[in-house]
Amino acid sequence: VTVLFADLVGSTAMSDRLEPAVLARVLNGYFQRMSDAIHEHRGHVAHFLGDGIVAYFGALQPNPWQCNDAVRAALAMRVAICEYNVELEREGLPLLALGIGIDRGLGLVGLVGSRERMEYDFVGRTVNVAARVQTLTRIHQADILVTEALRAELDARFLLTPMPAEFVKGIPVPVVTYAVREGPSAAAPSAEEAGGR
């Protein structure tokens, strides 16, 4: 399963500046646009965590192209946040910035929870790694970072820049990441994808 973890940058300062009703409208617009980008690339939004988003690719059904889909979704989110900022600037509202971390790995997929509340979820190290990688976006000044495990499965047409390995909380070894600069559009699948669709 591939996990995408996205978080707004500077949201605490924004929440201090805006009236509650305006803040709710801005955040709802953000969540809708990001969710649309994820769904358009065969992803599943699992959770909203404050102003963060956790999405899975390949969890609900097998998807051999889940890594490509997740990175395409992240690139679409980048475009969507830029377009949304044009609207916000027109209204004199604070602009939004996004950090996205993506990892791929094994874990438990299924219904978990209590008798009162069960959720279809993915449990495993991958979720934690994606969240930690997202925090590195501030250090590396890159809005989209992927792990080595994901890069190994990614279409070679995506343009990546290797970042220095960094230690992050909860992971005993330095994490190698790659910044995503650009990639093929969803309308231009790889030869393997085209043959498998």
C-alpha atoms as a PDB file:
ATOM      1  CA  VAL A   1       0.000   0.000   0.000  1.00  0.00           C
ATOM      2  CA  THR A   2       1.152   3.550  -0.720  1.00  0.00           C
ATOM      3  CA  VAL A   3       0.487   6.232   1.889  1.00  0.00           C
ATOM      4  CA  LEU A   4       0.313   9.967   1.170  1.00  0.00           C
ATOM      5  CA  PHE A   5       0.468  12.330   4.141  1.00  0.00           C
ATOM      6  CA  ALA A   6      -0.226  16.015   3.479  1.00  0.00           C
ATOM      7  CA  ASP A   7      -0.162  18.930   5.895  1.00  0.00           C
ATOM      8  CA  LEU A   8      -0.703  22.667   5.657  1.00  0.00           C
ATOM      9  CA  VAL A   9       2.319  24.829   6.418  1.00  0.00           C
ATOM     10  CA  GLY A  10       1.718  27.760   8.760  1.00  0.00           C
ATOM     11  CA  SER A  11      -1.865  26.853   9.567  1.00  0.00           C
ATOM     12  CA  THR A  12      -1.554  27.838  13.243  1.00  0.00           C
ATOM     13  CA  ALA A  13      -0.697  31.418  12.331  1.00  0.00           C
ATOM     14  CA  MET A  14      -3.565  31.454   9.842  1.00  0.00           C
ATOM     15  CA  SER A  15      -6.044  30.226  12.455  1.00  0.00           C
ATOM     16  CA  ASP A  16      -4.980  33.073  14.755  1.00  0.00           C
ATOM     17  CA  ARG A  17      -5.647  35.660  12.036  1.00  0.00           C
ATOM     18  CA  LEU A  18      -9.019  34.549  10.687  1.00  0.00           C
ATOM     19  CA  GLU A  19     -12.508  34.563  12.129  1.00  0.00           C
ATOM     20  CA  PRO A  20     -13.787  31.024  12.815  1.00  0.00           C
ATOM     21  CA  ALA A  21     -16.363  31.112  10.010  1.00  0.00           C
ATOM     22  CA  VAL A  22     -13.799  32.330   7.478  1.00  0.00           C
ATOM     23  CA  LEU A  23     -11.233  29.787   8.659  1.00  0.00           C
ATOM     24  CA  ALA A  24     -13.766  26.974   8.277  1.00  0.00           C
ATOM     25  CA  ARG A  25     -14.579  28.106   4.740  1.00  0.00           C
ATOM     26  CA  VAL A  26     -10.910  28.283   3.760  1.00  0.00           C
ATOM     27  CA  LEU A  27     -10.151  24.857   5.226  1.00  0.00           C
ATOM     28  CA  ASN A  28     -13.217  23.248   3.674  1.00  0.00           C
ATOM     29  CA  GLY A  29     -12.189  24.611   0.294  1.00  0.00           C
ATOM     30  CA  TYR A  30      -8.702  23.206   0.826  1.00  0.00           C
ATOM     31  CA  PHE A  31      -9.961  19.771   1.892  1.00  0.00           C
ATOM     32  CA  GLN A  32     -12.326  19.534  -1.075  1.00  0.00           C
ATOM     33  CA  ARG A  33      -9.698  20.444  -3.640  1.00  0.00           C
ATOM     34  CA  MET A  34      -7.115  18.092  -2.172  1.00  0.00           C
ATOM     35  CA  SER A  35      -9.641  15.251  -1.909  1.00  0.00           C
ATOM     36  CA  ASP A  36     -10.662  15.738  -5.531  1.00  0.00           C
ATOM     37  CA  ALA A  37      -7.026  15.471  -6.651  1.00  0.00           C
ATOM     38  CA  ILE A  38      -6.568  12.266  -4.638  1.00  0.00           C
ATOM     39  CA  HIS A  39      -9.774  10.638  -5.868  1.00  0.00           C
ATOM     40  CA  GLU A  40      -9.003  11.524  -9.482  1.00  0.00           C
ATOM     41  CA  HIS A  41      -5.861   9.397  -9.188  1.00  0.00           C
ATOM     42  CA  ARG A  42      -7.473   6.320  -7.628  1.00  0.00           C
ATOM     43  CA  GLY A  43      -6.649   7.268  -4.063  1.00  0.00           C
ATOM     44  CA  HIS A  44      -8.767   6.956  -0.924  1.00  0.00           C
ATOM     45  CA  VAL A  45      -8.882   9.718   1.690  1.00  0.00           C
ATOM     46  CA  ALA A  46      -8.751   7.853   4.985  1.00  0.00           C
ATOM     47  CA  HIS A  47      -8.495  10.648   7.547  1.00  0.00           C
ATOM     48  CA  PHE A  48      -8.482  14.383   8.071  1.00  0.00           C
ATOM     49  CA  LEU A  49      -6.136  15.047  11.001  1.00  0.00           C
ATOM     50  CA  GLY A  50      -6.557  18.678  11.973  1.00  0.00           C
ATOM     51  CA  ASP A  51      -5.500  20.289   8.698  1.00  0.00           C
ATOM     52  CA  GLY A  52      -3.632  17.155   7.606  1.00  0.00           C
ATOM     53  CA  ILE A  53      -4.760  14.512   5.135  1.00  0.00           C
ATOM     54  CA  VAL A  54      -3.946  10.803   5.100  1.00  0.00           C
ATOM     55  CA  ALA A  55      -4.665   9.000   1.835  1.00  0.00           C
ATOM     56  CA  TYR A  56      -4.058   5.440   0.664  1.00  0.00           C
ATOM     57  CA  PHE A  57      -3.415   4.049  -2.792  1.00  0.00           C
ATOM     58  CA  GLY A  58      -3.844   0.337  -3.430  1.00  0.00           C
ATOM     59  CA  ALA A  59      -5.638  -0.299  -0.119  1.00  0.00           C
ATOM     60  CA  LEU A  60      -9.216  -0.744  -1.295  1.00  0.00           C
ATOM     61  CA  GLN A  61      -8.291  -2.853  -4.304  1.00  0.00           C
ATOM     62  CA  PRO A  62      -5.045  -4.083  -5.888  1.00  0.00           C
ATOM     63  CA  ASN A  63      -3.325  -1.399  -7.948  1.00  0.00           C
ATOM     64  CA  PRO A  64       0.067  -2.172  -9.502  1.00  0.00           C
ATOM     65  CA  TRP A  65       0.458   1.504 -10.459  1.00  0.00           C
ATOM     66  CA  GLN A  66      -0.257   2.858  -6.977  1.00  0.00           C
ATOM     67  CA  CYS A  67       3.118   4.630  -6.652  1.00  0.00           C
ATOM     68  CA  ASN A  68       2.630   6.493  -9.922  1.00  0.00           C
ATOM     69  CA  ASP A  69      -0.937   7.350  -8.931  1.00  0.00           C
ATOM     70  CA  ALA A  70       0.124   8.704  -5.535  1.00  0.00           C
ATOM     71  CA  VAL A  71       2.794  10.977  -7.002  1.00  0.00           C
ATOM     72  CA  ARG A  72       0.458  12.148  -9.764  1.00  0.00           C
ATOM     73  CA  ALA A  73      -2.076  12.965  -7.055  1.00  0.00           C
ATOM     74  CA  ALA A  74       0.556  14.961  -5.162  1.00  0.00           C
ATOM     75  CA  LEU A  75       1.423  16.911  -8.309  1.00  0.00           C
ATOM     76  CA  ALA A  76      -2.286  17.582  -8.884  1.00  0.00           C
ATOM     77  CA  MET A  77      -2.545  18.786  -5.283  1.00  0.00           C
ATOM     78  CA  ARG A  78       0.345  21.171  -5.961  1.00  0.00           C
ATOM     79  CA  VAL A  79      -1.527  22.646  -8.918  1.00  0.00           C
ATOM     80  CA  ALA A  80      -4.809  22.789  -6.994  1.00  0.00           C
ATOM     81  CA  ILE A  81      -3.271  24.672  -4.060  1.00  0.00           C
ATOM     82  CA  CYS A  82      -1.754  27.228  -6.457  1.00  0.00           C
ATOM     83  CA  GLU A  83      -5.120  27.750  -8.144  1.00  0.00           C
ATOM     84  CA  TYR A  84      -6.840  28.052  -4.771  1.00  0.00           C
ATOM     85  CA  ASN A  85      -4.289  30.649  -3.681  1.00  0.00           C
ATOM     86  CA  VAL A  86      -5.328  32.844  -6.607  1.00  0.00           C
ATOM     87  CA  GLU A  87      -8.873  32.852  -5.209  1.00  0.00           C
ATOM     88  CA  LEU A  88      -7.688  33.478  -1.654  1.00  0.00           C
ATOM     89  CA  GLU A  89      -5.428  36.351  -2.711  1.00  0.00           C
ATOM     90  CA  ARG A  90      -8.325  37.946  -4.552  1.00  0.00           C
ATOM     91  CA  GLU A  91     -10.249  37.947  -1.258  1.00  0.00           C
ATOM     92  CA  GLY A  92      -7.302  39.264   0.723  1.00  0.00           C
ATOM     93  CA  LEU A  93      -6.931  35.992   2.625  1.00  0.00           C
ATOM     94  CA  PRO A  94      -3.669  34.256   3.632  1.00  0.00           C
ATOM     95  CA  LEU A  95      -2.092  32.001   1.034  1.00  0.00           C
ATOM     96  CA  LEU A  96      -1.672  28.287   1.700  1.00  0.00           C
ATOM     97  CA  ALA A  97       1.432  26.110   1.418  1.00  0.00           C
ATOM     98  CA  LEU A  98       1.489  22.338   1.432  1.00  0.00           C
ATOM     99  CA  GLY A  99       3.959  19.649   2.478  1.00  0.00           C
ATOM    100  CA  ILE A 100       3.479  16.079   1.216  1.00  0.00           C
ATOM    101  CA  GLY A 101       5.299  12.888   2.201  1.00  0.00           C
ATOM    102  CA  ILE A 102       4.760   9.565   0.402  1.00  0.00           C
ATOM    103  CA  ASP A 103       5.936   6.064   1.311  1.00  0.00           C
ATOM    104  CA  ARG A 104       5.151   2.535   0.179  1.00  0.00           C
ATOM    105  CA  GLY A 105       5.201  -0.614   2.285  1.00  0.00           C
ATOM    106  CA  LEU A 106       3.425  -3.515   3.920  1.00  0.00           C
ATOM    107  CA  GLY A 107       0.862  -3.378   6.693  1.00  0.00           C
ATOM    108  CA  LEU A 108      -2.534  -4.534   7.898  1.00  0.00           C
ATOM    109  CA  VAL A 109      -5.497  -3.419   5.803  1.00  0.00           C
ATOM    110  CA  GLY A 110      -8.994  -3.982   7.151  1.00  0.00           C
ATOM    111  CA  LEU A 111     -11.591  -2.989   9.719  1.00  0.00           C
ATOM    112  CA  VAL A 112     -10.064  -1.878  13.010  1.00  0.00           C
ATOM    113  CA  GLY A 113     -11.552  -0.185  16.036  1.00  0.00           C
ATOM    114  CA  SER A 114     -14.042  -0.749  18.819  1.00  0.00           C
ATOM    115  CA  ARG A 115     -17.624  -2.015  18.866  1.00  0.00           C
ATOM    116  CA  GLU A 116     -18.804   1.597  18.854  1.00  0.00           C
ATOM    117  CA  ARG A 117     -16.621   2.681  15.952  1.00  0.00           C
ATOM    118  CA  MET A 118     -14.972   0.600  13.269  1.00  0.00           C
ATOM    119  CA  GLU A 119     -12.927   2.051  10.411  1.00  0.00           C
ATOM    120  CA  TYR A 120     -11.415   0.591   7.270  1.00  0.00           C
ATOM    121  CA  ASP A 121      -7.798   1.472   7.843  1.00  0.00           C
ATOM    122  CA  PHE A 122      -4.172   0.670   7.105  1.00  0.00           C
ATOM    123  CA  VAL A 123      -1.932  -0.043  10.081  1.00  0.00           C
ATOM    124  CA  GLY A 124       1.832  -0.267   9.820  1.00  0.00           C
ATOM    125  CA  ARG A 125       5.182   1.491   9.736  1.00  0.00           C
ATOM    126  CA  THR A 126       4.445   3.022   6.328  1.00  0.00           C
ATOM    127  CA  VAL A 127       1.932   5.504   7.754  1.00  0.00           C
ATOM    128  CA  ASN A 128       4.463   6.742  10.304  1.00  0.00           C
ATOM    129  CA  VAL A 129       7.220   7.021   7.696  1.00  0.00           C
ATOM    130  CA  ALA A 130       5.008   9.057   5.344  1.00  0.00           C
ATOM    131  CA  ALA A 131       4.114  11.418   8.198  1.00  0.00           C
ATOM    132  CA  ARG A 132       7.760  11.843   9.196  1.00  0.00           C
ATOM    133  CA  VAL A 133       8.855  12.393   5.603  1.00  0.00           C
ATOM    134  CA  GLN A 134       6.245  15.132   5.337  1.00  0.00           C
ATOM    135  CA  THR A 135       8.000  16.984   8.181  1.00  0.00           C
ATOM    136  CA  LEU A 136      11.216  16.952   6.128  1.00  0.00           C
ATOM    137  CA  THR A 137       9.598  19.115   3.443  1.00  0.00           C
ATOM    138  CA  ARG A 138      10.379  22.164   5.613  1.00  0.00           C
ATOM    139  CA  ILE A 139      14.031  21.171   6.009  1.00  0.00           C
ATOM    140  CA  HIS A 140      14.583  20.415   2.326  1.00  0.00           C
ATOM    141  CA  GLN A 141      12.424  23.297   1.044  1.00  0.00           C
ATOM    142  CA  ALA A 142      10.502  20.852  -1.140  1.00  0.00           C
ATOM    143  CA  ASP A 143       6.733  20.476  -1.147  1.00  0.00           C
ATOM    144  CA  ILE A 144       6.654  16.794  -2.224  1.00  0.00           C
ATOM    145  CA  LEU A 145       9.057  14.156  -0.885  1.00  0.00           C
ATOM    146  CA  VAL A 146       9.058  10.416  -1.568  1.00  0.00           C
ATOM    147  CA  THR A 147      11.053   7.617   0.049  1.00  0.00           C
ATOM    148  CA  GLU A 148      13.553   5.270  -1.557  1.00  0.00           C
ATOM    149  CA  ALA A 149      11.001   2.444  -1.332  1.00  0.00           C
ATOM    150  CA  LEU A 150       8.570   4.466  -3.411  1.00  0.00           C
ATOM    151  CA  ARG A 151      11.177   5.779  -5.845  1.00  0.00           C
ATOM    152  CA  ALA A 152      12.184   2.217  -6.695  1.00  0.00           C
ATOM    153  CA  GLU A 153       8.658   1.546  -8.005  1.00  0.00           C
ATOM    154  CA  LEU A 154       8.137   4.875  -9.742  1.00  0.00           C
ATOM    155  CA  ASP A 155       7.940   5.541 -13.465  1.00  0.00           C
ATOM    156  CA  ALA A 156      11.351   6.792 -14.628  1.00  0.00           C
ATOM    157  CA  ARG A 157       9.713   9.780 -16.336  1.00  0.00           C
ATOM    158  CA  PHE A 158       9.124  11.500 -12.993  1.00  0.00           C
ATOM    159  CA  LEU A 159      11.811  14.113 -12.374  1.00  0.00           C
ATOM    160  CA  LEU A 160      13.281  13.650  -8.888  1.00  0.00           C
ATOM    161  CA  THR A 161      16.075  15.334  -6.954  1.00  0.00           C
ATOM    162  CA  PRO A 162      17.837  13.315  -4.216  1.00  0.00           C
ATOM    163  CA  MET A 163      17.893  14.943  -0.791  1.00  0.00           C
ATOM    164  CA  PRO A 164      20.431  14.412   2.026  1.00  0.00           C
ATOM    165  CA  ALA A 165      19.492  11.604   4.401  1.00  0.00           C
ATOM    166  CA  GLU A 166      17.986  12.840   7.669  1.00  0.00           C
ATOM    167  CA  PHE A 167      17.103  11.290  11.001  1.00  0.00           C
ATOM    168  CA  VAL A 168      13.437  11.623  11.953  1.00  0.00           C
ATOM    169  CA  LYS A 169      11.586  10.787  15.143  1.00  0.00           C
ATOM    170  CA  GLY A 170      10.740   7.126  15.615  1.00  0.00           C
ATOM    171  CA  ILE A 171      12.969   5.786  12.829  1.00  0.00           C
ATOM    172  CA  PRO A 172      16.399   4.460  13.887  1.00  0.00           C
ATOM    173  CA  VAL A 173      18.205   5.022  10.575  1.00  0.00           C
ATOM    174  CA  PRO A 174      18.515   8.116   8.368  1.00  0.00           C
ATOM    175  CA  VAL A 175      15.691   8.434   5.848  1.00  0.00           C
ATOM    176  CA  VAL A 176      16.621   8.978   2.204  1.00  0.00           C
ATOM    177  CA  THR A 177      14.106  11.081   0.298  1.00  0.00           C
ATOM    178  CA  TYR A 178      13.648  12.517  -3.177  1.00  0.00           C
ATOM    179  CA  ALA A 179      11.953  15.789  -4.067  1.00  0.00           C
ATOM    180  CA  VAL A 180       9.414  15.483  -6.870  1.00  0.00           C
ATOM    181  CA  ARG A 181       9.905  18.236  -9.435  1.00  0.00           C
ATOM    182  CA  GLU A 182       7.550  17.152 -12.207  1.00  0.00           C
ATOM    183  CA  GLY A 183       6.201  14.077 -13.923  1.00  0.00           C
ATOM    184  CA  PRO A 184       4.121  12.677 -16.756  1.00  0.00           C
ATOM    185  CA  SER A 185       0.484  13.652 -16.785  1.00  0.00           C
ATOM    186  CA  ALA A 186      -2.268  11.205 -15.916  1.00  0.00           C
ATOM    187  CA  ALA A 187      -3.174  11.321 -19.594  1.00  0.00           C
ATOM    188  CA  ALA A 188       0.239   9.893 -20.491  1.00  0.00           C
ATOM    189  CA  PRO A 189       0.516   6.466 -18.812  1.00  0.00           C
ATOM    190  CA  SER A 190       3.653   4.395 -19.157  1.00  0.00           C
ATOM    191  CA  ALA A 191       3.729   1.558 -21.671  1.00  0.00           C
ATOM    192  CA  GLU A 192       3.262  -0.920 -18.822  1.00  0.00           C
ATOM    193  CA  GLU A 193       0.287   0.995 -17.429  1.00  0.00           C
ATOM    194  CA  ALA A 194      -1.289   1.352 -20.855  1.00  0.00           C
ATOM    195  CA  GLY A 195      -1.008  -2.375 -21.379  1.00  0.00           C
ATOM    196  CA  GLY A 196      -2.473  -3.156 -17.972  1.00  0.00           C
ATOM    197  CA  ARG A 197      -5.497  -0.875 -18.055  1.00  0.00           C
END
